Protein backbone atom coordinates (compact mmCIF):
# COMPACT_ATOMS: atom_id res chain seq x y z
CA UNK A 1 61.60 35.93 126.85
CA UNK A 2 60.68 32.29 127.56
CA UNK A 3 57.03 33.16 127.13
CA UNK A 4 57.64 34.63 123.65
CA UNK A 5 59.56 31.54 122.53
CA UNK A 6 56.78 29.25 123.79
CA UNK A 7 54.13 31.26 121.99
CA UNK A 8 56.12 31.14 118.74
CA UNK A 9 56.53 27.35 118.96
CA UNK A 10 52.82 26.81 119.61
CA UNK A 11 51.88 29.03 116.68
CA UNK A 12 54.26 27.13 114.42
CA UNK A 13 52.77 23.78 115.49
CA UNK A 14 49.22 25.02 114.92
CA UNK A 15 50.14 26.16 111.41
CA UNK A 16 51.67 22.75 110.61
CA UNK A 17 48.58 20.93 111.89
CA UNK A 18 46.37 23.15 109.73
CA UNK A 19 48.48 22.42 106.63
CA UNK A 20 48.32 18.67 107.32
CA UNK A 21 44.55 18.80 107.82
CA UNK A 22 44.00 20.56 104.49
CA UNK A 23 46.29 18.09 102.62
CA UNK A 24 44.39 15.10 104.01
CA UNK A 25 41.00 16.23 102.73
CA UNK A 26 39.44 13.80 100.17
CA UNK A 27 39.84 14.83 96.54
CA UNK A 28 36.39 15.33 94.97
CA UNK A 29 35.22 12.67 92.51
CA UNK A 30 35.76 13.68 88.89
CA UNK A 31 32.80 13.69 86.50
CA UNK A 32 33.68 12.85 82.94
CA UNK A 33 31.91 14.95 80.39
CA UNK A 34 32.32 15.78 76.76
CA UNK A 35 35.58 17.80 76.40
CA UNK A 36 33.88 20.44 74.26
CA UNK A 37 31.04 20.80 76.80
CA UNK A 38 33.48 20.86 79.72
CA UNK A 39 35.56 23.50 77.96
CA UNK A 40 32.43 25.52 77.24
CA UNK A 41 31.44 25.24 80.91
CA UNK A 42 34.88 26.29 82.08
CA UNK A 43 34.92 29.22 79.67
CA UNK A 44 31.48 30.27 80.88
CA UNK A 45 32.53 29.97 84.52
CA UNK A 46 35.79 31.82 83.85
CA UNK A 47 33.90 34.54 81.98
CA UNK A 48 31.47 34.76 84.85
CA UNK A 49 34.24 35.03 87.45
CA UNK A 50 35.87 37.71 85.34
CA UNK A 51 32.58 39.56 85.14
CA UNK A 52 32.12 39.22 88.91
CA UNK A 53 35.55 40.69 89.45
CA UNK A 54 34.64 43.58 87.20
CA UNK A 55 31.36 44.05 89.05
CA UNK A 56 33.14 45.17 92.18
CA UNK A 57 33.67 48.59 90.62
CA UNK A 58 30.16 48.94 89.10
CA UNK A 59 27.34 51.05 90.57
CA UNK A 60 24.71 49.18 92.60
CA UNK A 61 22.08 49.04 89.80
CA UNK A 62 24.53 47.91 87.08
CA UNK A 63 26.07 45.45 89.49
CA UNK A 64 22.68 43.77 90.10
CA UNK A 65 21.99 43.46 86.37
CA UNK A 66 25.44 42.03 85.69
CA UNK A 67 25.04 39.49 88.49
CA UNK A 68 21.77 38.34 86.85
CA UNK A 69 23.61 37.85 83.51
CA UNK A 70 26.39 35.93 85.27
CA UNK A 71 23.83 33.62 86.91
CA UNK A 72 22.16 32.93 83.54
CA UNK A 73 25.55 32.12 81.98
CA UNK A 74 26.24 29.61 84.75
CA UNK A 75 22.82 28.03 84.18
CA UNK A 76 23.51 27.81 80.44
CA UNK A 77 26.69 25.83 81.05
CA UNK A 78 24.83 23.46 83.37
CA UNK A 79 22.03 23.02 80.80
CA UNK A 80 24.57 22.09 78.13
CA UNK A 81 26.08 19.43 80.39
CA UNK A 82 22.62 18.09 81.25
CA UNK A 83 21.59 17.91 77.56
CA UNK A 84 24.79 16.07 76.75
CA UNK A 85 24.02 13.46 79.40
CA UNK A 86 20.48 13.06 78.07
CA UNK A 87 21.77 12.52 74.53
CA UNK A 88 24.13 9.82 75.79
CA UNK A 89 21.26 8.09 77.57
CA UNK A 90 19.04 8.16 74.44
CA UNK A 91 21.86 6.78 72.25
CA UNK A 92 22.50 3.98 74.73
CA UNK A 93 18.77 3.15 74.86
CA UNK A 94 18.50 3.00 71.05
CA UNK A 95 21.56 0.79 70.82
CA UNK A 96 20.15 -1.58 73.43
CA UNK A 97 16.79 -1.69 71.66
CA UNK A 98 18.44 -2.41 68.30
CA UNK A 99 20.44 -5.25 69.82
CA UNK A 100 17.28 -6.84 71.22
CA UNK A 101 15.33 -6.75 67.89
CA UNK A 102 15.32 -10.01 65.88
CA UNK A 103 17.06 -10.14 62.51
CA UNK A 104 14.63 -9.70 59.56
CA UNK A 105 13.82 -12.82 57.51
CA UNK A 106 11.70 -13.78 54.52
CA UNK A 107 8.24 -14.58 55.81
CA UNK A 108 8.14 -12.11 58.69
CA UNK A 109 5.39 -10.14 56.95
CA UNK A 110 7.59 -7.12 56.21
CA UNK A 111 9.26 -6.37 52.88
CA UNK A 112 12.73 -5.33 54.10
CA UNK A 113 15.42 -3.42 52.20
CA UNK A 114 17.20 -6.57 51.00
CA UNK A 115 13.97 -8.31 49.92
CA UNK A 116 12.00 -7.94 46.69
CA UNK A 117 9.33 -9.72 44.69
CA UNK A 118 11.99 -11.93 43.15
CA UNK A 119 13.74 -13.27 46.26
CA UNK A 120 10.83 -13.06 48.74
CA UNK A 121 7.44 -13.19 47.05
CA UNK A 122 5.82 -14.00 50.40
CA UNK A 123 6.62 -10.55 51.84
CA UNK A 124 6.99 -8.49 48.64
CA UNK A 125 4.30 -9.83 46.30
CA UNK A 126 3.28 -7.42 43.51
CA UNK A 127 -0.21 -5.94 43.48
CA UNK A 128 -2.30 -6.63 40.38
CA UNK A 129 -2.00 -5.69 37.59
CA UNK A 130 1.73 -5.37 38.31
CA UNK A 131 4.03 -8.26 37.41
CA UNK A 132 7.40 -9.11 38.98
CA UNK A 133 10.33 -8.70 36.60
CA UNK A 134 13.94 -9.00 37.82
CA UNK A 135 12.97 -8.09 41.37
CA UNK A 136 10.79 -5.10 40.37
CA UNK A 137 7.01 -4.76 40.25
CA UNK A 138 6.14 -3.39 36.80
CA UNK A 139 2.82 -2.79 35.08
CA UNK A 140 2.48 -4.42 31.61
CA UNK A 141 1.16 -2.35 28.72
CA UNK A 142 -2.03 -4.40 28.52
CA UNK A 143 -3.89 -7.34 30.04
CA UNK A 144 -6.66 -7.84 27.47
CA UNK A 145 -7.62 -6.69 23.97
CA UNK A 146 -9.93 -3.99 25.35
CA UNK A 147 -6.92 -2.26 26.93
CA UNK A 148 -5.58 -1.57 23.42
CA UNK A 149 -8.60 0.23 21.96
CA UNK A 150 -7.50 3.09 19.68
CA UNK A 151 -11.02 4.27 18.71
CA UNK A 152 -10.38 3.39 15.06
CA UNK A 153 -13.11 1.10 13.67
CA UNK A 154 -10.86 0.05 10.81
CA UNK A 155 -8.16 -1.49 13.03
CA UNK A 156 -8.28 -4.76 14.93
CA UNK A 157 -6.89 -4.09 18.42
CA UNK A 158 -5.13 -6.99 20.13
CA UNK A 159 -3.09 -7.49 23.32
CA UNK A 160 -0.19 -9.83 22.59
CA UNK A 161 1.31 -11.92 25.46
CA UNK A 162 -1.50 -10.79 27.78
CA UNK A 163 -0.61 -11.16 31.47
CA UNK A 164 3.13 -11.13 30.81
CA UNK A 165 5.45 -8.21 31.56
CA UNK A 166 6.31 -8.12 27.85
CA UNK A 167 2.65 -7.73 26.79
CA UNK A 168 2.08 -5.09 24.10
CA UNK A 169 -0.73 -3.69 21.95
CA UNK A 170 -1.07 -4.25 18.21
CA UNK A 171 -3.38 -2.48 15.75
CA UNK A 172 -3.89 -4.41 12.49
CA UNK A 173 -5.77 -2.83 9.57
CA UNK A 174 -9.03 -4.58 8.65
CA UNK A 175 -8.95 -5.78 5.03
CA UNK A 176 -11.88 -8.21 4.82
CA UNK A 177 -15.37 -7.12 3.76
CA UNK A 178 -17.70 -7.76 6.70
CA UNK A 179 -21.09 -6.46 7.75
CA UNK A 180 -20.47 -6.43 11.53
CA UNK A 181 -17.27 -4.48 12.17
CA UNK A 182 -18.42 -0.95 11.26
CA UNK A 183 -15.56 -0.55 8.78
CA UNK A 184 -15.63 -0.23 4.99
CA UNK A 185 -12.12 -1.34 3.94
CA UNK A 186 -10.49 -0.39 0.66
CA UNK A 187 -11.91 -2.51 -2.19
CA UNK A 188 -15.26 -3.18 -0.52
CA UNK A 189 -18.62 -1.77 -1.67
CA UNK A 190 -22.23 -1.56 -0.60
CA UNK A 191 -22.98 -4.90 -2.27
CA UNK A 192 -20.51 -6.99 -0.22
CA UNK A 193 -20.17 -4.86 2.95
CA UNK A 194 -23.19 -3.23 4.56
CA UNK A 195 -20.84 -0.80 6.34
CA UNK A 196 -20.10 0.83 2.95
CA UNK A 197 -22.25 3.57 1.42
CA UNK A 198 -23.18 3.39 -2.30
CA UNK A 199 -20.86 5.56 -4.35
CA UNK A 200 -21.76 6.47 -7.91
CA UNK A 201 -18.78 6.38 -10.21
CA UNK A 202 -16.95 3.44 -8.64
CA UNK A 203 -17.88 1.23 -11.61
CA UNK A 204 -20.28 -0.88 -9.55
CA UNK A 205 -24.03 -0.58 -9.71
CA UNK A 206 -24.75 -0.80 -5.97
CA UNK A 207 -27.95 -1.15 -4.02
CA UNK A 208 -29.98 2.03 -4.43
CA UNK A 209 -28.41 2.91 -7.80
CA UNK A 210 -30.03 2.43 -11.22
CA UNK A 211 -29.81 3.65 -14.83
CA UNK A 212 -31.58 6.86 -13.90
CA UNK A 213 -29.58 8.05 -10.85
CA UNK A 214 -26.23 6.48 -11.81
CA UNK A 215 -26.13 5.59 -15.49
CA UNK A 216 -22.33 5.39 -15.50
CA UNK A 217 -22.42 2.49 -13.08
CA UNK A 218 -25.73 0.85 -13.95
CA UNK A 219 -25.90 0.81 -17.86
CA UNK A 220 -24.20 -2.44 -18.83
CA UNK A 221 -21.22 -2.23 -21.10
CA UNK A 222 -21.83 -3.50 -24.59
CA UNK A 223 -19.74 -6.46 -25.64
CA UNK A 224 -19.60 -7.23 -29.35
CA UNK A 225 -19.53 -10.95 -30.03
CA UNK A 226 -21.79 -12.15 -27.24
CA UNK A 227 -24.48 -13.06 -29.78
CA UNK A 228 -26.69 -10.25 -28.43
CA UNK A 229 -27.24 -7.07 -30.34
CA UNK A 230 -27.11 -4.70 -27.40
CA UNK A 231 -27.90 -0.99 -27.14
CA UNK A 232 -25.30 0.94 -29.13
CA UNK A 233 -24.59 -1.97 -31.47
CA UNK A 234 -25.82 -2.29 -35.06
CA UNK A 235 -25.11 -4.13 -38.31
CA UNK A 236 -22.27 -1.76 -39.07
CA UNK A 237 -20.27 -1.71 -35.77
CA UNK A 238 -21.15 -5.26 -34.73
CA UNK A 239 -22.51 -7.28 -37.66
CA UNK A 240 -21.81 -10.58 -35.91
CA UNK A 241 -24.32 -9.69 -33.19
CA UNK A 242 -26.71 -7.45 -35.17
CA UNK A 243 -27.06 -9.00 -38.77
CA UNK A 244 -30.46 -10.56 -39.21
CA UNK A 245 -30.47 -14.28 -38.89
CA UNK A 246 -32.20 -15.94 -41.86
CA UNK A 247 -35.55 -17.43 -41.04
CA UNK A 248 -36.59 -20.18 -43.39
CA UNK A 249 -40.28 -20.11 -44.12
CA UNK A 250 -40.85 -16.38 -43.96
CA UNK A 251 -41.37 -16.28 -47.74
CA UNK A 252 -38.09 -14.42 -48.26
CA UNK A 253 -35.01 -16.05 -49.60
CA UNK A 254 -32.55 -14.30 -47.37
CA UNK A 255 -28.78 -14.20 -47.46
CA UNK A 256 -27.48 -17.55 -46.51
CA UNK A 257 -30.56 -19.37 -47.77
CA UNK A 258 -30.91 -21.27 -51.05
CA UNK A 259 -33.02 -23.95 -52.65
CA UNK A 260 -31.04 -26.58 -50.89
CA UNK A 261 -31.45 -25.33 -47.32
CA UNK A 262 -34.70 -23.41 -47.72
CA UNK A 263 -36.63 -24.69 -50.76
CA UNK A 264 -39.87 -23.11 -49.80
CA UNK A 265 -38.39 -19.58 -49.73
CA UNK A 266 -35.98 -19.91 -52.62
CA UNK A 267 -37.77 -22.31 -55.14
CA UNK A 268 -38.81 -19.43 -57.33
């Protein structure tokens, strides 16, 4: 009887010592991870444990395959945690690198977002033929007269305000008669502009035309009263030009002559 009591007491003490020993064990250090990753890991582990529990009733072949799947699921959870840690390290490295870079300034050789050709010409100078206008590099319409050529010989092409952002092309019609511009403007002819071709019927007897090949331009117009009896005039339609002028001394006392002004013709 005494022996049984002693054995019971010793067993009780041993159980108490075991409980105390377990309670005094050091609590494992917690690792802080992303809550979503930790939850995913826990769900994966829980799913795996559930699958392991189910495996107990599976045939040997199916059980081996399921254990392989469970192992891969555990690895996937660990990979997710590892990738998360790597992303944190990269972000921290980029932040540290950004903090160590100097602030951009005008003259550092780089045209930064807040700089332009207007506020920092040193870094953001425009490339020719572009011109800076209100902080933007723009190309003017022209730089010289040749940029405005319109292939029309009868226009004078000109670049106004050349070199300025407001430069523009103008095309003025040529109106003067000139031998060197290749244009025959309205009102010019072959006599005053070598660029013009003779044209019969324009009322001008031009070089290369004559009474034979262009009578309408080259036969002079008769003018009654110019003291010349021209072709087409006679005593009837132009007596002032075509009536014979008395000639004293021809032995004929003509109209307008008498003994007083022409005795020798009119003395008889």
